[in-house]
Amino acid sequence: MSASLKSQSRLLKRVLANPDCLGAYAHRTVQKHFKKAIKQKRRVLKDTDPEALHQMRVGLRRLRAAIELFDHAVDLPAPLRDRSLAKIARRLGGVRDLDVLLLWLQNFCQTTELSDAEQTALQRVEADIHQQRQKRFRRMRRELKRDRYADWVEATQQWLAEPRYRLPALIPIELVAPDLLLPLVGEMLQHPGWLVGTAQTQPLRPLKRMSLQQINRCLAAQSDLLHDLRKRMKHLRYQSEFFIDLYTPAYAALVKDFRQLQDTLGSLQDEAVISDCLAQTLGSTWAEQVPSLAQFFTQERRQLWKAWQAMQAQYLDPAFRQQLRQAMLRSREAMSA
């Protein structure tokens, strides 16, 4: 046996002997989300329940988040590191995004009193989305049946059965968790999206009493920043949730707040996506053809912006930021020490 294999064998034994080290924790996390993702494949291909696609997509997202977070402690084979996983996730996401649009439109039609003309217009939109979905589903199905997907599954299963680690895998998870979390929180707090719609004064605060026209202009100019902030919050939430069991209920409450912020920004983004779909099918005058939906968007946008500004003010507050940083430092073990 070569020196490198002997070293890896000794390292593996030490990790296996210590279930509370970083390597063992990473292995359990990867295994959990890998199993959750791949078990949905058959149901996804049957295409009878959109929830299966949603669960597979979320499982893959969490798996990618775990691989990224623990990369320095685990020695993964090439198929787990290349772009195969990202491409599979994109194919699933493309179909899931249209499922969400269809569910939203169907719910709106069922809960809103619409004129015959409005119903006809929205039926045209739904038909176009269905057609797009069929095309995306065919591409997704091909991806899931390709050798690349099978190779990725096999390589992951092989690594889970015979994992390889790097030296940081031996660090106790309670000791290293804050060091993993604090950089993620720091990146999130420095995101430029927090500055959208703020007064150019110190301390930073959201602009007060913005008119609908001002809100619309702000979203038109900087919606990409808010969308990117939403993705950052989702990524942070996934990676923070890996450590829920190590921390106090106060930490869990903060992670739950990440979800609330993500959902609010997601609803603002959904409006923009739905509006684009309406424009593609009905043209630029879609608001005149479906006035009930245009009015709903106007009312909802005010409410969503108000909710966003309340959370924005909280995350710009120095005291809250310090509270957030402190929460990442205070694991259950640190509290009991």
Protein backbone atom coordinates (compact mmCIF):
# COMPACT_ATOMS: atom_id res chain seq x y z
CA MET A 1 0.00 0.00 0.00
CA SER A 2 1.39 3.42 -0.96
CA ALA A 3 2.06 6.10 1.63
CA SER A 4 -0.89 8.20 0.41
CA LEU A 5 -3.28 5.24 0.68
CA LYS A 6 -2.01 4.43 4.15
CA SER A 7 -2.49 8.05 5.18
CA GLN A 8 -6.02 8.09 3.75
CA SER A 9 -6.82 4.81 5.50
CA ARG A 10 -5.68 6.17 8.87
CA LEU A 11 -7.66 9.36 8.29
CA LEU A 12 -10.80 7.39 7.41
CA LYS A 13 -10.50 5.30 10.56
CA ARG A 14 -10.20 8.41 12.72
CA VAL A 15 -13.25 9.99 11.08
CA LEU A 16 -15.29 6.80 11.48
CA ALA A 17 -14.29 6.68 15.13
CA ASN A 18 -15.56 10.21 15.76
CA PRO A 19 -19.16 10.84 14.60
CA ASP A 20 -18.97 14.42 15.85
CA CYS A 21 -16.15 15.53 13.59
CA LEU A 22 -16.57 17.68 10.48
CA GLY A 23 -15.94 14.80 8.07
CA ALA A 24 -18.61 12.56 9.59
CA TYR A 25 -21.06 15.47 9.69
CA ALA A 26 -20.38 16.25 6.02
CA HIS A 27 -20.86 12.60 5.07
CA ARG A 28 -24.26 12.43 6.81
CA THR A 29 -25.39 15.67 5.19
CA VAL A 30 -24.37 14.64 1.67
CA GLN A 31 -25.95 11.21 2.13
CA LYS A 32 -29.23 12.64 3.42
CA HIS A 33 -29.82 15.05 0.54
CA PHE A 34 -28.49 12.71 -2.14
CA LYS A 35 -31.00 10.05 -1.10
CA LYS A 36 -33.83 12.57 -0.94
CA ALA A 37 -33.07 13.75 -4.45
CA ILE A 38 -32.57 10.52 -6.36
CA LYS A 39 -35.54 8.68 -4.86
CA GLN A 40 -37.84 11.09 -6.71
CA LYS A 41 -36.57 10.26 -10.22
CA ARG A 42 -39.23 7.67 -11.07
CA ARG A 43 -42.09 9.92 -9.92
CA VAL A 44 -40.57 12.87 -11.77
CA LEU A 45 -40.48 10.95 -15.05
CA LYS A 46 -44.08 9.79 -14.57
CA ASP A 47 -45.03 13.48 -14.39
CA THR A 48 -48.23 12.94 -12.40
CA ASP A 49 -47.39 15.00 -9.33
CA PRO A 50 -45.46 18.31 -9.50
CA GLU A 51 -44.40 17.86 -5.87
CA ALA A 52 -41.97 15.09 -6.87
CA LEU A 53 -40.14 17.47 -9.20
CA HIS A 54 -40.08 20.11 -6.49
CA GLN A 55 -38.60 17.69 -3.94
CA MET A 56 -35.93 16.45 -6.36
CA ARG A 57 -34.95 19.99 -7.26
CA VAL A 58 -34.70 21.04 -3.60
CA GLY A 59 -32.73 17.91 -2.77
CA LEU A 60 -30.20 18.66 -5.49
CA ARG A 61 -29.93 22.29 -4.41
CA ARG A 62 -29.24 21.28 -0.83
CA LEU A 63 -26.76 18.67 -2.02
CA ARG A 64 -24.87 21.28 -4.05
CA ALA A 65 -24.89 23.61 -1.03
CA ALA A 66 -23.45 20.84 1.14
CA ILE A 67 -20.72 19.96 -1.37
CA GLU A 68 -19.71 23.61 -1.59
CA LEU A 69 -19.69 24.13 2.18
CA PHE A 70 -17.74 20.99 3.09
CA ASP A 71 -15.47 20.90 0.04
CA HIS A 72 -12.30 21.61 2.05
CA ALA A 73 -12.90 18.59 4.32
CA VAL A 74 -13.97 15.93 1.81
CA ASP A 75 -12.11 14.51 -1.19
CA LEU A 76 -14.82 14.09 -3.80
CA PRO A 77 -14.51 12.35 -7.20
CA ALA A 78 -14.70 14.38 -10.40
CA PRO A 79 -18.37 13.60 -11.25
CA LEU A 80 -19.44 15.27 -8.00
CA ARG A 81 -17.36 18.35 -8.73
CA ASP A 82 -18.00 19.02 -12.40
CA ARG A 83 -20.94 20.82 -13.98
CA SER A 84 -23.11 17.71 -14.38
CA LEU A 85 -24.97 18.31 -11.14
CA ALA A 86 -25.55 21.96 -12.00
CA LYS A 87 -26.94 21.09 -15.44
CA ILE A 88 -29.30 18.47 -14.00
CA ALA A 89 -30.52 21.01 -11.46
CA ARG A 90 -31.07 23.63 -14.18
CA ARG A 91 -33.16 21.21 -16.26
CA LEU A 92 -35.32 20.42 -13.25
CA GLY A 93 -35.56 24.09 -12.36
CA GLY A 94 -36.71 25.09 -15.82
CA VAL A 95 -39.72 22.77 -15.57
CA ARG A 96 -40.43 23.58 -11.93
CA ASP A 97 -40.49 27.32 -12.60
CA LEU A 98 -43.27 26.81 -15.16
CA ASP A 99 -45.16 24.54 -12.75
CA VAL A 100 -45.11 27.37 -10.20
CA LEU A 101 -46.43 29.83 -12.80
CA LEU A 102 -49.26 27.48 -13.76
CA LEU A 103 -50.23 26.84 -10.14
CA TRP A 104 -50.21 30.57 -9.42
CA LEU A 105 -52.39 31.41 -12.42
CA GLN A 106 -54.80 28.57 -11.71
CA ASN A 107 -55.18 29.69 -8.10
CA PHE A 108 -55.74 33.30 -9.20
CA CYS A 109 -58.43 32.26 -11.67
CA GLN A 110 -60.18 30.11 -9.06
CA THR A 111 -60.20 32.80 -6.38
CA THR A 112 -60.93 35.89 -8.49
CA GLU A 113 -64.11 36.96 -10.22
CA LEU A 114 -63.08 37.42 -13.84
CA SER A 115 -64.92 38.55 -16.92
CA ASP A 116 -65.29 36.15 -19.85
CA ALA A 117 -62.70 38.14 -21.79
CA GLU A 118 -60.21 37.93 -18.92
CA GLN A 119 -60.73 34.19 -18.57
CA THR A 120 -60.14 33.71 -22.28
CA ALA A 121 -56.96 35.78 -22.18
CA LEU A 122 -55.54 33.87 -19.21
CA GLN A 123 -56.42 30.54 -20.82
CA ARG A 124 -54.26 31.57 -23.77
CA VAL A 125 -51.41 32.35 -21.38
CA GLU A 126 -51.80 29.00 -19.63
CA ALA A 127 -51.80 27.17 -22.97
CA ASP A 128 -48.54 28.86 -23.97
CA ILE A 129 -46.93 27.96 -20.63
CA HIS A 130 -48.06 24.34 -21.02
CA GLN A 131 -46.45 24.23 -24.46
CA GLN A 132 -43.19 25.62 -23.09
CA ARG A 133 -43.32 23.10 -20.26
CA GLN A 134 -43.64 20.17 -22.66
CA LYS A 135 -40.45 21.25 -24.42
CA ARG A 136 -38.56 21.73 -21.17
CA PHE A 137 -39.82 18.43 -19.78
CA ARG A 138 -38.52 16.55 -22.81
CA ARG A 139 -35.07 18.11 -22.32
CA MET A 140 -35.15 17.28 -18.62
CA ARG A 141 -36.18 13.69 -19.29
CA ARG A 142 -33.29 13.25 -21.74
CA GLU A 143 -30.90 14.63 -19.13
CA LEU A 144 -32.11 12.20 -16.45
CA LYS A 145 -31.75 9.26 -18.85
CA ARG A 146 -28.26 10.17 -20.04
CA ASP A 147 -25.15 8.26 -19.00
CA ARG A 148 -23.93 11.43 -17.32
CA TYR A 149 -26.71 11.24 -14.72
CA ALA A 150 -26.11 7.52 -14.14
CA ASP A 151 -22.36 8.14 -13.79
CA TRP A 152 -23.01 10.89 -11.25
CA VAL A 153 -25.30 8.65 -9.18
CA GLU A 154 -22.82 5.79 -9.28
CA ALA A 155 -19.89 8.01 -8.31
CA THR A 156 -21.80 9.51 -5.40
CA GLN A 157 -22.88 6.11 -4.13
CA GLN A 158 -19.28 4.89 -4.40
CA TRP A 159 -17.98 7.86 -2.41
CA LEU A 160 -20.64 7.40 0.28
CA ALA A 161 -19.64 3.74 0.60
CA GLU A 162 -15.90 4.48 0.59
CA PRO A 163 -15.46 8.16 1.49
CA ARG A 164 -12.19 10.01 1.24
CA TYR A 165 -11.36 12.97 3.43
CA ARG A 166 -8.91 15.80 3.90
CA LEU A 167 -7.25 16.67 7.23
CA PRO A 168 -9.83 19.34 8.27
CA ALA A 169 -12.36 16.49 8.45
CA LEU A 170 -10.99 15.69 11.92
CA ILE A 171 -11.98 19.05 13.45
CA PRO A 172 -14.93 18.75 15.87
CA ILE A 173 -18.07 20.07 14.22
CA GLU A 174 -19.03 22.15 17.26
CA LEU A 175 -15.67 23.89 17.08
CA VAL A 176 -15.72 24.64 13.36
CA ALA A 177 -19.42 25.42 12.73
CA PRO A 178 -19.08 29.17 13.53
CA ASP A 179 -16.08 29.40 11.20
CA LEU A 180 -18.19 27.96 8.38
CA LEU A 181 -21.21 30.14 9.07
CA LEU A 182 -19.72 33.57 9.75
CA PRO A 183 -18.25 34.06 6.24
CA LEU A 184 -21.65 33.16 4.75
CA VAL A 185 -23.40 35.70 6.96
CA GLY A 186 -20.74 38.30 6.12
CA GLU A 187 -21.28 37.85 2.37
CA MET A 188 -25.03 38.16 2.82
CA LEU A 189 -24.79 41.34 4.94
CA GLN A 190 -22.52 43.00 2.37
CA HIS A 191 -24.83 42.29 -0.57
CA PRO A 192 -25.67 45.49 -2.55
CA GLY A 193 -29.34 44.49 -2.60
CA TRP A 194 -29.71 45.89 0.90
CA LEU A 195 -29.14 49.37 -0.55
CA VAL A 196 -32.07 49.24 -2.98
CA GLY A 197 -34.52 52.01 -2.14
CA THR A 198 -32.47 53.52 0.70
CA ALA A 199 -31.84 57.15 1.54
CA GLN A 200 -28.27 58.24 0.82
CA THR A 201 -27.68 59.18 4.44
CA GLN A 202 -26.06 57.70 7.52
CA PRO A 203 -27.25 55.59 9.13
CA LEU A 204 -28.71 53.75 6.14
CA ARG A 205 -32.50 53.57 6.18
CA PRO A 206 -35.21 52.63 3.65
CA LEU A 207 -36.88 55.58 1.93
CA LYS A 208 -40.16 56.47 3.62
CA ARG A 209 -43.57 57.00 2.00
CA MET A 210 -42.54 55.91 -1.48
CA SER A 211 -45.26 56.30 -4.09
CA LEU A 212 -46.27 53.41 -6.32
CA GLN A 213 -44.51 55.14 -9.21
CA GLN A 214 -41.29 55.36 -7.18
CA ILE A 215 -41.58 51.69 -6.20
CA ASN A 216 -42.11 50.70 -9.83
CA ARG A 217 -39.10 52.73 -10.98
CA CYS A 218 -36.96 51.23 -8.24
CA LEU A 219 -37.97 47.69 -9.19
CA ALA A 220 -37.48 48.36 -12.89
CA ALA A 221 -33.94 49.63 -12.28
CA GLN A 222 -32.76 47.28 -9.54
CA SER A 223 -34.91 44.14 -9.52
CA ASP A 224 -31.85 42.10 -10.54
CA LEU A 225 -30.13 43.07 -7.29
CA LEU A 226 -33.13 41.99 -5.24
CA HIS A 227 -33.38 38.74 -7.17
CA ASP A 228 -29.70 38.04 -6.52
CA LEU A 229 -30.16 38.87 -2.83
CA ARG A 230 -33.01 36.35 -2.73
CA LYS A 231 -30.72 33.67 -4.14
CA ARG A 232 -28.07 34.58 -1.59
CA MET A 233 -30.62 34.28 1.23
CA LYS A 234 -31.77 30.89 -0.05
CA HIS A 235 -28.20 29.64 -0.22
CA LEU A 236 -27.50 30.91 3.29
CA ARG A 237 -30.69 29.30 4.59
CA TYR A 238 -29.82 25.92 3.11
CA GLN A 239 -26.33 25.95 4.57
CA SER A 240 -27.46 27.34 7.94
CA GLU A 241 -30.10 24.62 8.24
CA PHE A 242 -27.37 21.98 8.13
CA PHE A 243 -26.43 23.09 11.67
CA ILE A 244 -29.86 23.54 13.28
CA ASP A 245 -29.26 20.63 15.69
CA LEU A 246 -26.05 22.23 16.97
CA TYR A 247 -27.59 25.54 17.95
CA THR A 248 -30.19 27.05 20.26
CA PRO A 249 -33.84 27.84 19.36
CA ALA A 250 -32.79 31.48 18.87
CA TYR A 251 -30.60 30.38 15.97
CA ALA A 252 -33.46 28.37 14.47
CA ALA A 253 -35.69 31.46 14.67
CA LEU A 254 -33.15 33.52 12.72
CA VAL A 255 -32.89 30.83 10.05
CA LYS A 256 -36.69 30.85 9.81
CA ASP A 257 -36.49 34.61 9.21
CA PHE A 258 -34.16 33.93 6.28
CA ARG A 259 -37.03 31.99 4.70
CA GLN A 260 -39.51 34.81 5.26
CA LEU A 261 -37.22 37.33 3.59
CA GLN A 262 -36.56 34.90 0.74
CA ASP A 263 -40.29 34.41 0.21
CA THR A 264 -41.03 38.14 0.16
CA LEU A 265 -38.34 38.83 -2.43
CA GLY A 266 -39.51 35.77 -4.34
CA SER A 267 -43.05 37.13 -4.56
CA LEU A 268 -41.73 40.39 -6.00
CA GLN A 269 -39.75 38.40 -8.56
CA ASP A 270 -42.78 36.21 -9.37
CA GLU A 271 -44.75 39.32 -10.33
CA ALA A 272 -42.08 40.29 -12.83
CA VAL A 273 -41.91 36.76 -14.30
CA ILE A 274 -45.69 36.47 -14.63
CA SER A 275 -45.86 39.91 -16.22
CA ASP A 276 -43.28 38.84 -18.79
CA CYS A 277 -45.32 35.71 -19.61
CA LEU A 278 -48.44 37.81 -20.02
CA ALA A 279 -46.63 40.21 -22.32
CA GLN A 280 -45.25 37.37 -24.45
CA THR A 281 -48.72 35.98 -25.09
CA LEU A 282 -50.98 39.04 -24.91
CA GLY A 283 -48.59 41.80 -25.86
CA SER A 284 -47.67 44.99 -24.06
CA THR A 285 -51.36 45.82 -23.46
CA TRP A 286 -51.94 42.76 -21.24
CA ALA A 287 -52.97 44.98 -18.30
CA GLU A 288 -55.88 46.34 -20.35
CA GLN A 289 -56.93 42.83 -21.33
CA VAL A 290 -56.72 41.44 -17.78
CA PRO A 291 -57.42 44.47 -15.54
CA SER A 292 -58.26 42.31 -12.51
CA LEU A 293 -54.76 40.86 -12.50
CA ALA A 294 -53.13 44.24 -13.08
CA GLN A 295 -55.07 45.64 -10.12
CA PHE A 296 -54.09 42.66 -7.96
CA PHE A 297 -50.42 43.19 -8.79
CA THR A 298 -50.67 46.87 -7.89
CA GLN A 299 -52.17 46.14 -4.48
CA GLU A 300 -49.83 43.25 -3.76
CA ARG A 301 -46.75 45.20 -4.82
CA ARG A 302 -47.46 47.87 -2.21
CA GLN A 303 -47.84 45.22 0.51
CA LEU A 304 -44.74 43.31 -0.55
CA TRP A 305 -42.66 46.47 -0.70
CA LYS A 306 -43.82 47.43 2.79
CA ALA A 307 -42.85 43.97 4.08
CA TRP A 308 -39.48 44.18 2.27
CA GLN A 309 -38.70 47.59 3.77
CA ALA A 310 -39.47 46.38 7.30
CA MET A 311 -37.02 43.49 6.89
CA GLN A 312 -34.53 45.72 5.08
CA ALA A 313 -34.54 48.17 8.01
CA GLN A 314 -33.93 45.28 10.40
CA TYR A 315 -30.96 43.93 8.44
CA LEU A 316 -29.45 47.41 8.11
CA ASP A 317 -29.65 47.93 11.88
CA PRO A 318 -26.17 47.57 13.47
CA ALA A 319 -27.60 45.99 16.63
CA PHE A 320 -29.43 43.29 14.66
CA ARG A 321 -26.35 42.57 12.58
CA GLN A 322 -24.34 42.04 15.73
CA GLN A 323 -27.08 39.80 17.12
CA LEU A 324 -26.92 37.74 13.95
CA ARG A 325 -23.16 37.35 14.20
CA GLN A 326 -23.38 36.41 17.86
CA ALA A 327 -26.00 33.75 17.10
CA MET A 328 -23.53 32.01 14.78
CA LEU A 329 -21.00 31.84 17.62
CA ARG A 330 -23.26 30.44 20.34
CA SER A 331 -23.73 26.73 19.68
CA ARG A 332 -25.33 24.51 22.32
CA GLU A 333 -21.90 23.28 23.42
CA ALA A 334 -20.58 26.83 23.76
CA MET A 335 -23.64 27.81 25.79
CA SER A 336 -23.16 24.91 28.19
CA ALA A 337 -19.43 25.40 28.62
